[in-house]
């Protein structure tokens, strides 16, 4: 049976690249985002069956209903990727962009991630190959290396990504006490050439296609965590070992 994947935030950036990569690897794909016209365009270009759903994750109740309806329409969903996210510089701490960041990256993310877990736990099946191993689904959350430090230029964005990483860590720990076996992968990209890069050329910048290929490989290997690209693990390590005063000097 063909595997099914839902990508939330599929209309651009990493989400769009992941839709194309997963389709190339044989997944039927459910595409969800606000820009329906763009989703339909992407859906028409992939080689497997595509299902399109209009979703605004800031409307959390509606977004969850749309998610469950999309999963039912697809018939089988093995993988859910939550890629929807926003972020911008906000040194002046203006409320509107900060509020939007929390609405999308925290509330919207939690709404869909928890819906995915509910879906996987409801449809859990016993292994059919005679083994004791079972895989009841796979949840992937797109966080960021930004989760590793506080950013004076975008404090809400970095804090929201720290929330994503810790939430997914909590779900993995929760799995230890559950009868289901849902794989949960935290993806922490560095700089990726998307709209959030705001046209800047940044060091170690990856294309969305390279990022998607590495994420898809991590999915196939059922990794619990991956940096994209892998060299960003060095940056994460540095932020963990450097004293906070030195980090502050580096960032200001």
C-alpha atoms as a PDB file:
ATOM      1  CA  UNK A   1       0.000   0.000   0.000  1.00  0.00           C
ATOM      2  CA  UNK A   2       1.266   3.484  -0.875  1.00  0.00           C
ATOM      3  CA  UNK A   3       2.473   5.504   2.070  1.00  0.00           C
ATOM      4  CA  UNK A   4       0.701   8.775   2.864  1.00  0.00           C
ATOM      5  CA  UNK A   5       2.134  12.007   4.241  1.00  0.00           C
ATOM      6  CA  UNK A   6       0.561  15.305   5.282  1.00  0.00           C
ATOM      7  CA  UNK A   7       2.725  18.420   5.096  1.00  0.00           C
ATOM      8  CA  UNK A   8       1.346  21.465   6.910  1.00  0.00           C
ATOM      9  CA  UNK A   9       2.942  24.633   5.587  1.00  0.00           C
ATOM     10  CA  UNK A  10       3.317  23.123   2.112  1.00  0.00           C
ATOM     11  CA  UNK A  11       2.998  26.233  -0.043  1.00  0.00           C
ATOM     12  CA  UNK A  12       6.618  27.429   0.089  1.00  0.00           C
ATOM     13  CA  UNK A  13      10.097  26.934   1.497  1.00  0.00           C
ATOM     14  CA  UNK A  14      11.016  23.723   3.265  1.00  0.00           C
ATOM     15  CA  UNK A  15       7.395  22.535   3.259  1.00  0.00           C
ATOM     16  CA  UNK A  16       7.077  22.788  -0.523  1.00  0.00           C
ATOM     17  CA  UNK A  17      10.457  21.156  -1.075  1.00  0.00           C
ATOM     18  CA  UNK A  18       9.473  18.321   1.268  1.00  0.00           C
ATOM     19  CA  UNK A  19       6.236  17.725  -0.649  1.00  0.00           C
ATOM     20  CA  UNK A  20       8.228  17.281  -3.849  1.00  0.00           C
ATOM     21  CA  UNK A  21      10.892  15.103  -2.200  1.00  0.00           C
ATOM     22  CA  UNK A  22       8.399  12.837  -0.447  1.00  0.00           C
ATOM     23  CA  UNK A  23       6.415  12.414  -3.673  1.00  0.00           C
ATOM     24  CA  UNK A  24       9.614  11.437  -5.485  1.00  0.00           C
ATOM     25  CA  UNK A  25      10.146   8.814  -2.770  1.00  0.00           C
ATOM     26  CA  UNK A  26       6.698   7.344  -3.357  1.00  0.00           C
ATOM     27  CA  UNK A  27       4.423   9.064  -0.848  1.00  0.00           C
ATOM     28  CA  UNK A  28       0.930  10.242  -1.665  1.00  0.00           C
ATOM     29  CA  UNK A  29       0.873  13.720  -0.154  1.00  0.00           C
ATOM     30  CA  UNK A  30      -1.697  15.910   1.568  1.00  0.00           C
ATOM     31  CA  UNK A  31      -0.805  19.576   1.173  1.00  0.00           C
ATOM     32  CA  UNK A  32      -2.123  22.075   3.724  1.00  0.00           C
ATOM     33  CA  UNK A  33      -1.579  25.827   3.953  1.00  0.00           C
ATOM     34  CA  UNK A  34      -3.434  29.107   3.487  1.00  0.00           C
ATOM     35  CA  UNK A  35      -2.582  29.690  -0.201  1.00  0.00           C
ATOM     36  CA  UNK A  36      -4.887  27.264  -1.972  1.00  0.00           C
ATOM     37  CA  UNK A  37      -3.928  28.370  -5.497  1.00  0.00           C
ATOM     38  CA  UNK A  38      -0.261  27.719  -4.784  1.00  0.00           C
ATOM     39  CA  UNK A  39      -1.051  24.330  -3.231  1.00  0.00           C
ATOM     40  CA  UNK A  40      -3.016  23.326  -6.335  1.00  0.00           C
ATOM     41  CA  UNK A  41      -0.097  24.361  -8.532  1.00  0.00           C
ATOM     42  CA  UNK A  42       2.355  22.257  -6.525  1.00  0.00           C
ATOM     43  CA  UNK A  43      -0.091  19.329  -6.421  1.00  0.00           C
ATOM     44  CA  UNK A  44      -0.330  19.321 -10.214  1.00  0.00           C
ATOM     45  CA  UNK A  45       3.448  18.977 -10.503  1.00  0.00           C
ATOM     46  CA  UNK A  46       4.174  15.979  -8.262  1.00  0.00           C
ATOM     47  CA  UNK A  47       4.207  12.386  -9.555  1.00  0.00           C
ATOM     48  CA  UNK A  48       1.973  10.812  -6.899  1.00  0.00           C
ATOM     49  CA  UNK A  49      -1.587  11.438  -5.711  1.00  0.00           C
ATOM     50  CA  UNK A  50      -2.038  14.823  -4.044  1.00  0.00           C
ATOM     51  CA  UNK A  51      -4.794  16.073  -1.762  1.00  0.00           C
ATOM     52  CA  UNK A  52      -5.139  19.803  -1.103  1.00  0.00           C
ATOM     53  CA  UNK A  53      -6.647  21.405   2.009  1.00  0.00           C
ATOM     54  CA  UNK A  54      -6.871  25.095   2.865  1.00  0.00           C
ATOM     55  CA  UNK A  55      -5.668  25.604   6.429  1.00  0.00           C
ATOM     56  CA  UNK A  56      -4.812  28.565   8.631  1.00  0.00           C
ATOM     57  CA  UNK A  57      -3.087  27.159  11.711  1.00  0.00           C
ATOM     58  CA  UNK A  58      -3.872  30.303  13.694  1.00  0.00           C
ATOM     59  CA  UNK A  59      -7.535  29.259  13.547  1.00  0.00           C
ATOM     60  CA  UNK A  60      -6.712  26.279  15.725  1.00  0.00           C
ATOM     61  CA  UNK A  61     -10.107  24.555  16.007  1.00  0.00           C
ATOM     62  CA  UNK A  62     -10.752  24.858  12.287  1.00  0.00           C
ATOM     63  CA  UNK A  63      -7.195  23.755  11.484  1.00  0.00           C
ATOM     64  CA  UNK A  64      -7.590  20.594  13.547  1.00  0.00           C
ATOM     65  CA  UNK A  65     -10.920  19.792  11.879  1.00  0.00           C
ATOM     66  CA  UNK A  66      -9.299  20.295   8.482  1.00  0.00           C
ATOM     67  CA  UNK A  67      -6.412  18.030   9.450  1.00  0.00           C
ATOM     68  CA  UNK A  68      -8.672  15.152  10.493  1.00  0.00           C
ATOM     69  CA  UNK A  69     -10.833  15.587   7.383  1.00  0.00           C
ATOM     70  CA  UNK A  70      -7.749  15.541   5.155  1.00  0.00           C
ATOM     71  CA  UNK A  71      -6.418  12.411   6.855  1.00  0.00           C
ATOM     72  CA  UNK A  72      -9.780  10.689   6.403  1.00  0.00           C
ATOM     73  CA  UNK A  73      -9.911  11.682   2.745  1.00  0.00           C
ATOM     74  CA  UNK A  74      -6.430  10.271   2.148  1.00  0.00           C
ATOM     75  CA  UNK A  75      -7.307   6.967   3.766  1.00  0.00           C
ATOM     76  CA  UNK A  76      -3.816   6.291   5.061  1.00  0.00           C
ATOM     77  CA  UNK A  77      -1.389   8.736   6.670  1.00  0.00           C
ATOM     78  CA  UNK A  78       1.928   7.420   7.945  1.00  0.00           C
ATOM     79  CA  UNK A  79       3.775  10.727   8.275  1.00  0.00           C
ATOM     80  CA  UNK A  80       2.825  14.243   9.386  1.00  0.00           C
ATOM     81  CA  UNK A  81       5.240  17.154   8.938  1.00  0.00           C
ATOM     82  CA  UNK A  82       4.474  20.441  10.682  1.00  0.00           C
ATOM     83  CA  UNK A  83       6.443  23.012   8.711  1.00  0.00           C
ATOM     84  CA  UNK A  84       4.224  26.089   9.053  1.00  0.00           C
ATOM     85  CA  UNK A  85       6.155  28.904  10.650  1.00  0.00           C
ATOM     86  CA  UNK A  86       6.774  32.645  10.581  1.00  0.00           C
ATOM     87  CA  UNK A  87       9.523  34.907  11.865  1.00  0.00           C
ATOM     88  CA  UNK A  88      10.946  38.355  11.377  1.00  0.00           C
ATOM     89  CA  UNK A  89      13.333  40.803  12.993  1.00  0.00           C
ATOM     90  CA  UNK A  90      11.662  42.675  15.824  1.00  0.00           C
ATOM     91  CA  UNK A  91      14.230  44.570  17.877  1.00  0.00           C
ATOM     92  CA  UNK A  92      11.622  47.144  18.881  1.00  0.00           C
ATOM     93  CA  UNK A  93       9.391  44.397  20.339  1.00  0.00           C
ATOM     94  CA  UNK A  94       6.324  45.428  18.367  1.00  0.00           C
ATOM     95  CA  UNK A  95       3.308  43.430  19.508  1.00  0.00           C
ATOM     96  CA  UNK A  96       1.728  42.558  16.157  1.00  0.00           C
ATOM     97  CA  UNK A  97       4.639  40.508  14.712  1.00  0.00           C
ATOM     98  CA  UNK A  98       5.322  38.958  18.114  1.00  0.00           C
ATOM     99  CA  UNK A  99       1.677  37.948  18.458  1.00  0.00           C
ATOM    100  CA  UNK A 100       1.622  36.428  14.970  1.00  0.00           C
ATOM    101  CA  UNK A 101       4.775  34.446  15.695  1.00  0.00           C
ATOM    102  CA  UNK A 102       3.253  32.960  18.842  1.00  0.00           C
ATOM    103  CA  UNK A 103      -0.034  32.267  17.053  1.00  0.00           C
ATOM    104  CA  UNK A 104       1.648  30.321  14.245  1.00  0.00           C
ATOM    105  CA  UNK A 105       4.787  28.832  15.778  1.00  0.00           C
ATOM    106  CA  UNK A 106       3.387  27.946  19.206  1.00  0.00           C
ATOM    107  CA  UNK A 107      -0.418  27.685  19.172  1.00  0.00           C
ATOM    108  CA  UNK A 108      -0.723  26.562  15.554  1.00  0.00           C
ATOM    109  CA  UNK A 109       2.129  24.101  15.861  1.00  0.00           C
ATOM    110  CA  UNK A 110       0.681  22.588  19.036  1.00  0.00           C
ATOM    111  CA  UNK A 111      -2.783  22.300  17.514  1.00  0.00           C
ATOM    112  CA  UNK A 112      -1.545  20.250  14.562  1.00  0.00           C
ATOM    113  CA  UNK A 113       1.121  18.246  16.399  1.00  0.00           C
ATOM    114  CA  UNK A 114      -1.385  17.133  19.034  1.00  0.00           C
ATOM    115  CA  UNK A 115      -3.949  16.343  16.325  1.00  0.00           C
ATOM    116  CA  UNK A 116      -1.371  14.176  14.545  1.00  0.00           C
ATOM    117  CA  UNK A 117      -0.634  12.280  17.755  1.00  0.00           C
ATOM    118  CA  UNK A 118      -4.355  11.735  18.356  1.00  0.00           C
ATOM    119  CA  UNK A 119      -4.725  10.433  14.806  1.00  0.00           C
ATOM    120  CA  UNK A 120      -1.800   8.025  15.102  1.00  0.00           C
ATOM    121  CA  UNK A 121      -2.902   6.731  18.492  1.00  0.00           C
ATOM    122  CA  UNK A 122      -6.454   6.170  17.273  1.00  0.00           C
ATOM    123  CA  UNK A 123      -5.389   4.176  14.189  1.00  0.00           C
ATOM    124  CA  UNK A 124      -2.632   2.173  15.916  1.00  0.00           C
ATOM    125  CA  UNK A 125      -2.316  -1.374  14.616  1.00  0.00           C
ATOM    126  CA  UNK A 126      -0.549  -4.471  15.878  1.00  0.00           C
ATOM    127  CA  UNK A 127       2.513  -5.601  13.883  1.00  0.00           C
ATOM    128  CA  UNK A 128       1.716  -7.915  10.982  1.00  0.00           C
ATOM    129  CA  UNK A 129       5.189  -9.371  10.397  1.00  0.00           C
ATOM    130  CA  UNK A 130       5.313 -11.558  13.501  1.00  0.00           C
ATOM    131  CA  UNK A 131       7.723  -9.229  15.296  1.00  0.00           C
ATOM    132  CA  UNK A 132       7.231  -7.213  18.442  1.00  0.00           C
ATOM    133  CA  UNK A 133       8.069  -3.990  16.615  1.00  0.00           C
ATOM    134  CA  UNK A 134       5.303  -1.696  15.533  1.00  0.00           C
ATOM    135  CA  UNK A 135       5.253   1.699  13.906  1.00  0.00           C
ATOM    136  CA  UNK A 136       2.059   3.615  14.380  1.00  0.00           C
ATOM    137  CA  UNK A 137       3.119   6.792  12.622  1.00  0.00           C
ATOM    138  CA  UNK A 138       5.753   9.482  12.358  1.00  0.00           C
ATOM    139  CA  UNK A 139       5.503  13.128  13.444  1.00  0.00           C
ATOM    140  CA  UNK A 140       8.123  15.607  12.222  1.00  0.00           C
ATOM    141  CA  UNK A 141       8.343  19.143  13.573  1.00  0.00           C
ATOM    142  CA  UNK A 142      10.425  21.834  11.878  1.00  0.00           C
ATOM    143  CA  UNK A 143      12.136  23.760  14.659  1.00  0.00           C
ATOM    144  CA  UNK A 144      15.394  25.701  14.178  1.00  0.00           C
ATOM    145  CA  UNK A 145      18.940  26.037  15.435  1.00  0.00           C
ATOM    146  CA  UNK A 146      17.530  29.335  16.728  1.00  0.00           C
ATOM    147  CA  UNK A 147      15.970  27.266  19.515  1.00  0.00           C
ATOM    148  CA  UNK A 148      19.442  27.021  21.056  1.00  0.00           C
ATOM    149  CA  UNK A 149      19.908  30.678  22.013  1.00  0.00           C
ATOM    150  CA  UNK A 150      18.090  33.930  22.718  1.00  0.00           C
ATOM    151  CA  UNK A 151      18.224  36.400  19.839  1.00  0.00           C
ATOM    152  CA  UNK A 152      18.034  40.141  20.581  1.00  0.00           C
ATOM    153  CA  UNK A 153      16.836  40.783  17.035  1.00  0.00           C
ATOM    154  CA  UNK A 154      14.056  38.197  17.017  1.00  0.00           C
ATOM    155  CA  UNK A 155      13.440  37.115  20.618  1.00  0.00           C
ATOM    156  CA  UNK A 156       9.925  35.787  19.994  1.00  0.00           C
ATOM    157  CA  UNK A 157      10.989  33.684  17.012  1.00  0.00           C
ATOM    158  CA  UNK A 158      13.862  31.995  18.853  1.00  0.00           C
ATOM    159  CA  UNK A 159      11.698  31.415  21.911  1.00  0.00           C
ATOM    160  CA  UNK A 160       8.939  29.908  19.769  1.00  0.00           C
ATOM    161  CA  UNK A 161      11.391  27.467  18.207  1.00  0.00           C
ATOM    162  CA  UNK A 162      12.698  26.524  21.654  1.00  0.00           C
ATOM    163  CA  UNK A 163       9.086  25.697  22.477  1.00  0.00           C
ATOM    164  CA  UNK A 164       8.809  23.473  19.392  1.00  0.00           C
ATOM    165  CA  UNK A 165      11.978  21.558  20.264  1.00  0.00           C
ATOM    166  CA  UNK A 166      11.010  21.050  23.904  1.00  0.00           C
ATOM    167  CA  UNK A 167       7.434  20.088  23.009  1.00  0.00           C
ATOM    168  CA  UNK A 168       8.659  17.377  20.647  1.00  0.00           C
ATOM    169  CA  UNK A 169      11.129  16.194  23.291  1.00  0.00           C
ATOM    170  CA  UNK A 170       8.219  15.905  25.689  1.00  0.00           C
ATOM    171  CA  UNK A 171       6.258  13.841  23.182  1.00  0.00           C
ATOM    172  CA  UNK A 172       9.189  11.452  22.783  1.00  0.00           C
ATOM    173  CA  UNK A 173       9.359  10.998  26.559  1.00  0.00           C
ATOM    174  CA  UNK A 174       5.591  10.512  26.636  1.00  0.00           C
ATOM    175  CA  UNK A 175       5.966   7.660  24.167  1.00  0.00           C
ATOM    176  CA  UNK A 176       7.830   5.658  26.808  1.00  0.00           C
ATOM    177  CA  UNK A 177       4.557   5.208  28.692  1.00  0.00           C
ATOM    178  CA  UNK A 178       2.248   4.680  25.703  1.00  0.00           C
ATOM    179  CA  UNK A 179       1.256   1.412  24.023  1.00  0.00           C
ATOM    180  CA  UNK A 180       1.715   3.036  20.615  1.00  0.00           C
ATOM    181  CA  UNK A 181       5.043   3.554  18.867  1.00  0.00           C
ATOM    182  CA  UNK A 182       5.016   6.911  17.129  1.00  0.00           C
ATOM    183  CA  UNK A 183       8.370   8.149  15.870  1.00  0.00           C
ATOM    184  CA  UNK A 184       8.912  11.835  16.624  1.00  0.00           C
ATOM    185  CA  UNK A 185      11.620  13.786  14.801  1.00  0.00           C
ATOM    186  CA  UNK A 186      12.855  17.258  15.673  1.00  0.00           C
ATOM    187  CA  UNK A 187      14.408  19.086  12.716  1.00  0.00           C
ATOM    188  CA  UNK A 188      16.617  22.065  13.560  1.00  0.00           C
ATOM    189  CA  UNK A 189      17.695  23.821  10.356  1.00  0.00           C
ATOM    190  CA  UNK A 190      20.230  26.598  10.176  1.00  0.00           C
ATOM    191  CA  UNK A 191      19.934  29.168   7.404  1.00  0.00           C
ATOM    192  CA  UNK A 192      17.752  27.995   4.516  1.00  0.00           C
ATOM    193  CA  UNK A 193      17.092  30.090   1.419  1.00  0.00           C
ATOM    194  CA  UNK A 194      13.399  30.751   2.062  1.00  0.00           C
ATOM    195  CA  UNK A 195      11.230  33.843   2.469  1.00  0.00           C
ATOM    196  CA  UNK A 196      12.303  34.099   6.123  1.00  0.00           C
ATOM    197  CA  UNK A 197      15.894  34.723   4.973  1.00  0.00           C
ATOM    198  CA  UNK A 198      14.524  38.036   3.611  1.00  0.00           C
ATOM    199  CA  UNK A 199      16.751  37.913   0.534  1.00  0.00           C
ATOM    200  CA  UNK A 200      19.991  37.945   2.519  1.00  0.00           C
ATOM    201  CA  UNK A 201      22.922  35.728   1.605  1.00  0.00           C
ATOM    202  CA  UNK A 202      23.942  34.110   4.874  1.00  0.00           C
ATOM    203  CA  UNK A 203      26.788  31.783   5.728  1.00  0.00           C
ATOM    204  CA  UNK A 204      26.210  28.049   5.458  1.00  0.00           C
ATOM    205  CA  UNK A 205      22.906  28.762   3.714  1.00  0.00           C
ATOM    206  CA  UNK A 206      21.197  25.684   2.328  1.00  0.00           C
ATOM    207  CA  UNK A 207      18.714  25.448  -0.506  1.00  0.00           C
ATOM    208  CA  UNK A 208      15.233  24.193   0.419  1.00  0.00           C
ATOM    209  CA  UNK A 209      15.874  21.167  -1.802  1.00  0.00           C
ATOM    210  CA  UNK A 210      19.045  20.212   0.081  1.00  0.00           C
ATOM    211  CA  UNK A 211      17.251  20.683   3.388  1.00  0.00           C
ATOM    212  CA  UNK A 212      14.325  18.547   2.223  1.00  0.00           C
ATOM    213  CA  UNK A 213      16.607  15.750   1.039  1.00  0.00           C
ATOM    214  CA  UNK A 214      18.351  15.588   4.418  1.00  0.00           C
ATOM    215  CA  UNK A 215      15.045  15.695   6.286  1.00  0.00           C
ATOM    216  CA  UNK A 216      13.612  12.924   4.099  1.00  0.00           C
ATOM    217  CA  UNK A 217      16.656  10.767   4.838  1.00  0.00           C
ATOM    218  CA  UNK A 218      16.202  11.385   8.575  1.00  0.00           C
ATOM    219  CA  UNK A 219      12.564  10.349   8.196  1.00  0.00           C
ATOM    220  CA  UNK A 220      13.518   7.111   6.459  1.00  0.00           C
ATOM    221  CA  UNK A 221      16.027   6.371   9.237  1.00  0.00           C
ATOM    222  CA  UNK A 222      13.458   7.272  11.925  1.00  0.00           C
ATOM    223  CA  UNK A 223      15.854   9.694  13.564  1.00  0.00           C
ATOM    224  CA  UNK A 224      14.734  11.529  16.687  1.00  0.00           C
ATOM    225  CA  UNK A 225      16.729  14.655  15.835  1.00  0.00           C
ATOM    226  CA  UNK A 226      18.555  16.139  12.879  1.00  0.00           C
ATOM    227  CA  UNK A 227      20.413  19.373  12.140  1.00  0.00           C
ATOM    228  CA  UNK A 228      20.077  20.730   8.598  1.00  0.00           C
ATOM    229  CA  UNK A 229      22.652  20.941   7.278  1.00  0.00           C
ATOM    230  CA  UNK A 230      24.638  18.680   9.565  1.00  0.00           C
ATOM    231  CA  UNK A 231      27.406  21.238  10.158  1.00  0.00           C
ATOM    232  CA  UNK A 232      24.968  23.286  12.261  1.00  0.00           C
ATOM    233  CA  UNK A 233      25.439  20.830  15.102  1.00  0.00           C
ATOM    234  CA  UNK A 234      28.758  22.642  15.700  1.00  0.00           C
ATOM    235  CA  UNK A 235      26.960  25.965  16.149  1.00  0.00           C
ATOM    236  CA  UNK A 236      24.457  24.354  18.505  1.00  0.00           C
ATOM    237  CA  UNK A 237      27.295  22.853  20.541  1.00  0.00           C
ATOM    238  CA  UNK A 238      29.048  26.219  20.792  1.00  0.00           C
ATOM    239  CA  UNK A 239      25.928  27.910  22.130  1.00  0.00           C
ATOM    240  CA  UNK A 240      25.594  25.141  24.715  1.00  0.00           C
ATOM    241  CA  UNK A 241      29.167  25.437  26.044  1.00  0.00           C
ATOM    242  CA  UNK A 242      29.811  29.178  25.794  1.00  0.00           C
ATOM    243  CA  UNK A 243      29.000  31.267  28.890  1.00  0.00           C
ATOM    244  CA  UNK A 244      25.978  33.527  28.440  1.00  0.00           C
ATOM    245  CA  UNK A 245      27.983  36.781  28.657  1.00  0.00           C
ATOM    246  CA  UNK A 246      30.102  35.665  25.698  1.00  0.00           C
ATOM    247  CA  UNK A 247      26.969  34.663  23.738  1.00  0.00           C
ATOM    248  CA  UNK A 248      25.502  38.114  24.403  1.00  0.00           C
ATOM    249  CA  UNK A 249      28.628  39.780  23.034  1.00  0.00           C
ATOM    250  CA  UNK A 250      28.500  37.606  19.935  1.00  0.00           C
ATOM    251  CA  UNK A 251      24.887  38.516  19.229  1.00  0.00           C
ATOM    252  CA  UNK A 252      25.002  42.245  19.891  1.00  0.00           C
END
